[in-house]
Amino acid sequence: MLGYAIAFFVVALVAAFFGFGSIATGAAGIAKILFFIFLALAIVSLVSGMMRGGRRSVL
């Protein structure tokens, strides 16, 4: 999921560089949403791994 967020961010940067404002805005919005979803899932995974005890998970 983080890979998709980075890909949309790169698309937004390229679109902004070439002057496609609406495409850049849309791609940046999608990248932001995907990043926050990734961040929430990473935190949930980390907390559930800590509650389980035994093994430690590495991001």
PDB file of N, CA and C in Angstrom:
ATOM      1  N   MET A   1       0.828  -1.183   0.000  1.00  0.00           N
ATOM      2  CA  MET A   1       0.000   0.000   0.000  1.00  0.00           C
ATOM      3  C   MET A   1       0.877   1.252   0.000  1.00  0.00           C
ATOM      4  N   LEU A   2       1.976   1.193   0.732  1.00  0.00           N
ATOM      5  CA  LEU A   2       2.891   2.335   0.741  1.00  0.00           C
ATOM      6  C   LEU A   2       3.473   2.554  -0.653  1.00  0.00           C
ATOM      7  N   GLY A   3       3.676   1.468  -1.370  1.00  0.00           N
ATOM      8  CA  GLY A   3       4.184   1.570  -2.742  1.00  0.00           C
ATOM      9  C   GLY A   3       3.219   2.325  -3.645  1.00  0.00           C
ATOM     10  N   TYR A   4       1.917   2.053  -3.493  1.00  0.00           N
ATOM     11  CA  TYR A   4       0.920   2.778  -4.281  1.00  0.00           C
ATOM     12  C   TYR A   4       0.896   4.262  -3.912  1.00  0.00           C
ATOM     13  N   ALA A   5       1.035   4.565  -2.629  1.00  0.00           N
ATOM     14  CA  ALA A   5       1.049   5.962  -2.199  1.00  0.00           C
ATOM     15  C   ALA A   5       2.242   6.689  -2.804  1.00  0.00           C
ATOM     16  N   ILE A   6       3.392   6.039  -2.813  1.00  0.00           N
ATOM     17  CA  ILE A   6       4.591   6.659  -3.397  1.00  0.00           C
ATOM     18  C   ILE A   6       4.417   6.828  -4.900  1.00  0.00           C
ATOM     19  N   ALA A   7       3.815   5.834  -5.560  1.00  0.00           N
ATOM     20  CA  ALA A   7       3.589   5.930  -7.003  1.00  0.00           C
ATOM     21  C   ALA A   7       2.666   7.097  -7.343  1.00  0.00           C
ATOM     22  N   PHE A   8       1.567   7.263  -6.591  1.00  0.00           N
ATOM     23  CA  PHE A   8       0.669   8.384  -6.850  1.00  0.00           C
ATOM     24  C   PHE A   8       1.344   9.717  -6.545  1.00  0.00           C
ATOM     25  N   PHE A   9       2.221   9.746  -5.549  1.00  0.00           N
ATOM     26  CA  PHE A   9       2.955  10.972  -5.238  1.00  0.00           C
ATOM     27  C   PHE A   9       3.888  11.342  -6.393  1.00  0.00           C
ATOM     28  N   VAL A  10       4.557  10.357  -6.964  1.00  0.00           N
ATOM     29  CA  VAL A  10       5.442  10.615  -8.109  1.00  0.00           C
ATOM     30  C   VAL A  10       4.634  11.090  -9.304  1.00  0.00           C
ATOM     31  N   VAL A  11       3.476  10.474  -9.535  1.00  0.00           N
ATOM     32  CA  VAL A  11       2.603  10.921 -10.629  1.00  0.00           C
ATOM     33  C   VAL A  11       2.177  12.366 -10.403  1.00  0.00           C
ATOM     34  N   ALA A  12       1.868  12.710  -9.156  1.00  0.00           N
ATOM     35  CA  ALA A  12       1.469  14.084  -8.846  1.00  0.00           C
ATOM     36  C   ALA A  12       2.616  15.063  -9.104  1.00  0.00           C
ATOM     37  N   LEU A  13       3.830  14.673  -8.735  1.00  0.00           N
ATOM     38  CA  LEU A  13       4.980  15.552  -8.976  1.00  0.00           C
ATOM     39  C   LEU A  13       5.232  15.754 -10.470  1.00  0.00           C
ATOM     40  N   VAL A  14       5.157  14.674 -11.242  1.00  0.00           N
ATOM     41  CA  VAL A  14       5.378  14.777 -12.685  1.00  0.00           C
ATOM     42  C   VAL A  14       4.272  15.609 -13.335  1.00  0.00           C
ATOM     43  N   ALA A  15       3.028  15.379 -12.935  1.00  0.00           N
ATOM     44  CA  ALA A  15       1.915  16.144 -13.498  1.00  0.00           C
ATOM     45  C   ALA A  15       2.031  17.626 -13.142  1.00  0.00           C
ATOM     46  N   ALA A  16       2.447  17.913 -11.925  1.00  0.00           N
ATOM     47  CA  ALA A  16       2.618  19.322 -11.531  1.00  0.00           C
ATOM     48  C   ALA A  16       3.756  19.964 -12.310  1.00  0.00           C
ATOM     49  N   PHE A  17       4.812  19.216 -12.557  1.00  0.00           N
ATOM     50  CA  PHE A  17       5.952  19.745 -13.308  1.00  0.00           C
ATOM     51  C   PHE A  17       5.559  20.122 -14.725  1.00  0.00           C
ATOM     52  N   PHE A  18       4.714  19.296 -15.354  1.00  0.00           N
ATOM     53  CA  PHE A  18       4.290  19.560 -16.722  1.00  0.00           C
ATOM     54  C   PHE A  18       3.057  20.449 -16.813  1.00  0.00           C
ATOM     55  N   GLY A  19       2.517  20.893 -15.673  1.00  0.00           N
ATOM     56  CA  GLY A  19       1.440  21.866 -15.687  1.00  0.00           C
ATOM     57  C   GLY A  19       0.032  21.299 -15.681  1.00  0.00           C
ATOM     58  N   PHE A  20      -0.128  20.040 -15.394  1.00  0.00           N
ATOM     59  CA  PHE A  20      -1.458  19.448 -15.328  1.00  0.00           C
ATOM     60  C   PHE A  20      -1.959  19.552 -13.886  1.00  0.00           C
ATOM     61  N   GLY A  21      -2.522  20.686 -13.549  1.00  0.00           N
ATOM     62  CA  GLY A  21      -2.902  20.975 -12.170  1.00  0.00           C
ATOM     63  C   GLY A  21      -3.962  20.062 -11.596  1.00  0.00           C
ATOM     64  N   SER A  22      -5.013  19.784 -12.364  1.00  0.00           N
ATOM     65  CA  SER A  22      -6.106  18.967 -11.822  1.00  0.00           C
ATOM     66  C   SER A  22      -5.664  17.516 -11.616  1.00  0.00           C
ATOM     67  N   ILE A  23      -4.847  16.995 -12.522  1.00  0.00           N
ATOM     68  CA  ILE A  23      -4.339  15.629 -12.361  1.00  0.00           C
ATOM     69  C   ILE A  23      -3.403  15.564 -11.162  1.00  0.00           C
ATOM     70  N   ALA A  24      -2.574  16.575 -10.995  1.00  0.00           N
ATOM     71  CA  ALA A  24      -1.643  16.609  -9.863  1.00  0.00           C
ATOM     72  C   ALA A  24      -2.402  16.670  -8.538  1.00  0.00           C
ATOM     73  N   THR A  25      -3.462  17.462  -8.500  1.00  0.00           N
ATOM     74  CA  THR A  25      -4.256  17.573  -7.268  1.00  0.00           C
ATOM     75  C   THR A  25      -4.936  16.248  -6.930  1.00  0.00           C
ATOM     76  N   GLY A  26      -5.490  15.597  -7.924  1.00  0.00           N
ATOM     77  CA  GLY A  26      -6.147  14.307  -7.698  1.00  0.00           C
ATOM     78  C   GLY A  26      -5.171  13.234  -7.252  1.00  0.00           C
ATOM     79  N   ALA A  27      -4.024  13.167  -7.898  1.00  0.00           N
ATOM     80  CA  ALA A  27      -3.029  12.153  -7.544  1.00  0.00           C
ATOM     81  C   ALA A  27      -2.461  12.414  -6.154  1.00  0.00           C
ATOM     82  N   ALA A  28      -2.258  13.669  -5.813  1.00  0.00           N
ATOM     83  CA  ALA A  28      -1.753  13.998  -4.474  1.00  0.00           C
ATOM     84  C   ALA A  28      -2.787  13.641  -3.411  1.00  0.00           C
ATOM     85  N   GLY A  29      -4.054  13.861  -3.689  1.00  0.00           N
ATOM     86  CA  GLY A  29      -5.119  13.492  -2.743  1.00  0.00           C
ATOM     87  C   GLY A  29      -5.178  11.986  -2.528  1.00  0.00           C
ATOM     88  N   ILE A  30      -5.072  11.223  -3.613  1.00  0.00           N
ATOM     89  CA  ILE A  30      -5.082   9.769  -3.493  1.00  0.00           C
ATOM     90  C   ILE A  30      -3.858   9.296  -2.713  1.00  0.00           C
ATOM     91  N   ALA A  31      -2.705   9.883  -2.994  1.00  0.00           N
ATOM     92  CA  ALA A  31      -1.480   9.508  -2.280  1.00  0.00           C
ATOM     93  C   ALA A  31      -1.610   9.784  -0.785  1.00  0.00           C
ATOM     94  N   LYS A  32      -2.217  10.902  -0.440  1.00  0.00           N
ATOM     95  CA  LYS A  32      -2.388  11.244   0.976  1.00  0.00           C
ATOM     96  C   LYS A  32      -3.319  10.250   1.680  1.00  0.00           C
ATOM     97  N   ILE A  33      -4.414   9.902   1.031  1.00  0.00           N
ATOM     98  CA  ILE A  33      -5.360   8.946   1.615  1.00  0.00           C
ATOM     99  C   ILE A  33      -4.697   7.588   1.804  1.00  0.00           C
ATOM    100  N   LEU A  34      -3.991   7.093   0.784  1.00  0.00           N
ATOM    101  CA  LEU A  34      -3.331   5.802   0.884  1.00  0.00           C
ATOM    102  C   LEU A  34      -2.251   5.803   1.960  1.00  0.00           C
ATOM    103  N   PHE A  35      -1.537   6.922   2.103  1.00  0.00           N
ATOM    104  CA  PHE A  35      -0.504   6.989   3.131  1.00  0.00           C
ATOM    105  C   PHE A  35      -1.116   6.892   4.523  1.00  0.00           C
ATOM    106  N   PHE A  36      -2.215   7.581   4.762  1.00  0.00           N
ATOM    107  CA  PHE A  36      -2.831   7.541   6.082  1.00  0.00           C
ATOM    108  C   PHE A  36      -3.459   6.173   6.370  1.00  0.00           C
ATOM    109  N   ILE A  37      -3.989   5.508   5.344  1.00  0.00           N
ATOM    110  CA  ILE A  37      -4.489   4.148   5.535  1.00  0.00           C
ATOM    111  C   ILE A  37      -3.333   3.223   5.896  1.00  0.00           C
ATOM    112  N   PHE A  38      -2.204   3.356   5.178  1.00  0.00           N
ATOM    113  CA  PHE A  38      -1.026   2.552   5.488  1.00  0.00           C
ATOM    114  C   PHE A  38      -0.555   2.816   6.914  1.00  0.00           C
ATOM    115  N   LEU A  39      -0.521   4.074   7.311  1.00  0.00           N
ATOM    116  CA  LEU A  39      -0.066   4.429   8.653  1.00  0.00           C
ATOM    117  C   LEU A  39      -0.977   3.828   9.717  1.00  0.00           C
ATOM    118  N   ALA A  40      -2.279   3.892   9.526  1.00  0.00           N
ATOM    119  CA  ALA A  40      -3.225   3.324  10.487  1.00  0.00           C
ATOM    120  C   ALA A  40      -3.061   1.808  10.586  1.00  0.00           C
ATOM    121  N   LEU A  41      -2.914   1.133   9.442  1.00  0.00           N
ATOM    122  CA  LEU A  41      -2.741  -0.313   9.465  1.00  0.00           C
ATOM    123  C   LEU A  41      -1.416  -0.713  10.108  1.00  0.00           C
ATOM    124  N   ALA A  42      -0.373   0.074   9.890  1.00  0.00           N
ATOM    125  CA  ALA A  42       0.919  -0.220  10.511  1.00  0.00           C
ATOM    126  C   ALA A  42       0.834  -0.083  12.027  1.00  0.00           C
ATOM    127  N   ILE A  43       0.135   0.931  12.512  1.00  0.00           N
ATOM    128  CA  ILE A  43      -0.013   1.125  13.960  1.00  0.00           C
ATOM    129  C   ILE A  43      -0.844  -0.004  14.563  1.00  0.00           C
ATOM    130  N   VAL A  44      -1.939  -0.390  13.895  1.00  0.00           N
ATOM    131  CA  VAL A  44      -2.765  -1.492  14.387  1.00  0.00           C
ATOM    132  C   VAL A  44      -1.954  -2.783  14.426  1.00  0.00           C
ATOM    133  N   SER A  45      -1.162  -3.033  13.408  1.00  0.00           N
ATOM    134  CA  SER A  45      -0.326  -4.225  13.370  1.00  0.00           C
ATOM    135  C   SER A  45       0.718  -4.215  14.481  1.00  0.00           C
ATOM    136  N   LEU A  46       1.315  -3.074  14.709  1.00  0.00           N
ATOM    137  CA  LEU A  46       2.323  -2.953  15.764  1.00  0.00           C
ATOM    138  C   LEU A  46       1.713  -3.186  17.142  1.00  0.00           C
ATOM    139  N   VAL A  47       0.557  -2.589  17.397  1.00  0.00           N
ATOM    140  CA  VAL A  47      -0.102  -2.746  18.699  1.00  0.00           C
ATOM    141  C   VAL A  47      -0.559  -4.182  18.909  1.00  0.00           C
ATOM    142  N   SER A  48      -1.128  -4.793  17.873  1.00  0.00           N
ATOM    143  CA  SER A  48      -1.580  -6.173  18.032  1.00  0.00           C
ATOM    144  C   SER A  48      -0.401  -7.118  18.223  1.00  0.00           C
ATOM    145  N   GLY A  49       0.721  -6.840  17.605  1.00  0.00           N
ATOM    146  CA  GLY A  49       1.915  -7.645  17.799  1.00  0.00           C
ATOM    147  C   GLY A  49       2.479  -7.504  19.200  1.00  0.00           C
ATOM    148  N   MET A  50       2.381  -6.313  19.771  1.00  0.00           N
ATOM    149  CA  MET A  50       2.873  -6.092  21.126  1.00  0.00           C
ATOM    150  C   MET A  50       1.942  -6.756  22.155  1.00  0.00           C
ATOM    151  N   MET A  51       0.645  -6.776  21.872  1.00  0.00           N
ATOM    152  CA  MET A  51      -0.302  -7.391  22.802  1.00  0.00           C
ATOM    153  C   MET A  51      -0.184  -8.907  22.787  1.00  0.00           C
ATOM    154  N   ARG A  52       0.200  -9.464  21.639  1.00  0.00           N
ATOM    155  CA  ARG A  52       0.336 -10.900  21.525  1.00  0.00           C
ATOM    156  C   ARG A  52       1.507 -11.405  22.365  1.00  0.00           C
ATOM    157  N   GLY A  53       2.513 -10.580  22.537  1.00  0.00           N
ATOM    158  CA  GLY A  53       3.635 -10.960  23.394  1.00  0.00           C
ATOM    159  C   GLY A  53       4.753 -11.633  22.629  1.00  0.00           C
ATOM    160  N   GLY A  54       4.946 -12.886  22.813  1.00  0.00           N
ATOM    161  CA  GLY A  54       5.978 -13.755  22.254  1.00  0.00           C
ATOM    162  C   GLY A  54       6.938 -13.155  21.243  1.00  0.00           C
ATOM    163  N   ARG A  55       6.550 -13.201  20.004  1.00  0.00           N
ATOM    164  CA  ARG A  55       7.441 -12.738  18.932  1.00  0.00           C
ATOM    165  C   ARG A  55       7.292 -11.240  18.735  1.00  0.00           C
ATOM    166  N   ARG A  56       8.368 -10.629  18.309  1.00  0.00           N
ATOM    167  CA  ARG A  56       8.324  -9.203  17.976  1.00  0.00           C
ATOM    168  C   ARG A  56       8.302  -9.068  16.461  1.00  0.00           C
ATOM    169  N   SER A  57       7.446  -8.201  15.957  1.00  0.00           N
ATOM    170  CA  SER A  57       7.395  -7.992  14.517  1.00  0.00           C
ATOM    171  C   SER A  57       8.174  -6.737  14.157  1.00  0.00           C
ATOM    172  N   VAL A  58       8.776  -6.764  12.995  1.00  0.00           N
ATOM    173  CA  VAL A  58       9.567  -5.638  12.514  1.00  0.00           C
ATOM    174  C   VAL A  58       8.862  -5.078  11.294  1.00  0.00           C
ATOM    175  N   LEU A  59       8.723  -3.745  11.228  1.00  0.00           N
ATOM    176  CA  LEU A  59       8.053  -3.133  10.081  1.00  0.00           C
ATOM    177  C   LEU A  59       8.922  -3.160   8.907  1.00  0.00           C
TER     178      LEU A  59
END
